[in-house]
């Protein structure tokens, strides 16, 4: 699987706002390009949008698992 994180140079060139430079920023660049080329017609960029939203969902699950693991470690450290 290719990296889903865009470099700072790529993000700056694509004019991505800082808030959107996350784990899925490399997928947002082609999505925004497709949107601009297709005049923001929803059906033009379904594949790109699906990939981006799936990445966002997977990232959310990853962060939730990570938080759960941290809370478990803190709970076991607090019991000792």
Protein backbone atom coordinates (compact mmCIF):
# COMPACT_ATOMS: atom_id res chain seq x y z
CA UNK A 1 0.00 0.00 0.00
CA UNK A 2 1.31 3.44 -0.89
CA UNK A 3 1.83 6.05 1.78
CA UNK A 4 -1.23 8.12 2.56
CA UNK A 5 0.76 10.98 4.07
CA UNK A 6 1.74 13.80 1.73
CA UNK A 7 5.04 15.57 2.24
CA UNK A 8 5.05 19.20 3.35
CA UNK A 9 6.06 20.26 -0.15
CA UNK A 10 3.25 18.31 -1.81
CA UNK A 11 0.70 19.66 0.66
CA UNK A 12 1.89 23.23 0.19
CA UNK A 13 1.86 22.88 -3.60
CA UNK A 14 -1.72 21.54 -3.45
CA UNK A 15 -2.62 24.39 -1.07
CA UNK A 16 -4.02 22.05 1.59
CA UNK A 17 -5.04 23.85 4.78
CA UNK A 18 -3.01 22.83 7.84
CA UNK A 19 -6.07 21.20 9.41
CA UNK A 20 -6.27 18.70 6.54
CA UNK A 21 -2.59 17.67 6.56
CA UNK A 22 -3.19 14.43 8.40
CA UNK A 23 -2.69 10.70 7.79
CA UNK A 24 -4.85 10.84 4.65
CA UNK A 25 -3.53 14.01 3.07
CA UNK A 26 -2.04 12.20 0.05
CA UNK A 27 -5.53 10.97 -0.84
CA UNK A 28 -7.09 14.39 -0.42
CA UNK A 29 -4.84 15.99 -3.05
CA UNK A 30 -6.19 13.96 -6.02
CA UNK A 31 -9.73 14.24 -4.63
CA UNK A 32 -9.55 18.03 -4.55
CA UNK A 33 -7.99 18.07 -8.02
CA UNK A 34 -10.82 15.89 -9.35
CA UNK A 35 -13.39 18.12 -7.66
CA UNK A 36 -11.96 21.25 -9.27
CA UNK A 37 -11.76 19.64 -12.71
CA UNK A 38 -15.32 18.32 -12.47
CA UNK A 39 -16.90 21.52 -11.10
CA UNK A 40 -17.65 19.77 -7.80
CA UNK A 41 -20.15 17.35 -9.33
CA UNK A 42 -20.62 14.65 -6.69
CA UNK A 43 -20.66 11.70 -9.06
CA UNK A 44 -17.42 12.62 -10.85
CA UNK A 45 -15.08 11.70 -7.99
CA UNK A 46 -16.85 8.86 -6.20
CA UNK A 47 -13.82 6.56 -6.21
CA UNK A 48 -11.43 9.20 -4.84
CA UNK A 49 -13.95 10.28 -2.21
CA UNK A 50 -14.51 6.69 -1.10
CA UNK A 51 -10.76 6.10 -0.73
CA UNK A 52 -10.35 9.30 1.29
CA UNK A 53 -13.32 8.61 3.58
CA UNK A 54 -12.17 5.00 4.13
CA UNK A 55 -8.74 6.28 5.11
CA UNK A 56 -10.32 8.75 7.54
CA UNK A 57 -12.42 5.97 9.08
CA UNK A 58 -9.42 3.63 9.41
CA UNK A 59 -7.43 6.43 11.03
CA UNK A 60 -10.26 7.04 13.52
CA UNK A 61 -10.31 3.35 14.45
CA UNK A 62 -6.52 3.32 14.83
CA UNK A 63 -6.61 6.33 17.16
CA UNK A 64 -9.46 4.82 19.21
CA UNK A 65 -7.49 1.56 19.67
CA UNK A 66 -4.42 3.54 20.64
CA UNK A 67 -6.38 5.56 23.22
CA UNK A 68 -7.93 2.39 24.63
CA UNK A 69 -4.48 0.83 25.00
CA UNK A 70 -3.15 3.93 26.78
CA UNK A 71 -6.11 3.96 29.17
CA UNK A 72 -5.59 0.27 29.98
CA UNK A 73 -1.91 0.89 30.70
CA UNK A 74 -2.78 3.83 32.95
CA UNK A 75 -5.39 1.76 34.79
CA UNK A 76 -2.96 -1.09 35.43
CA UNK A 77 -0.25 1.38 36.49
CA UNK A 78 -2.71 3.02 38.89
CA UNK A 79 -3.62 -0.32 40.49
CA UNK A 80 -0.02 -1.11 41.37
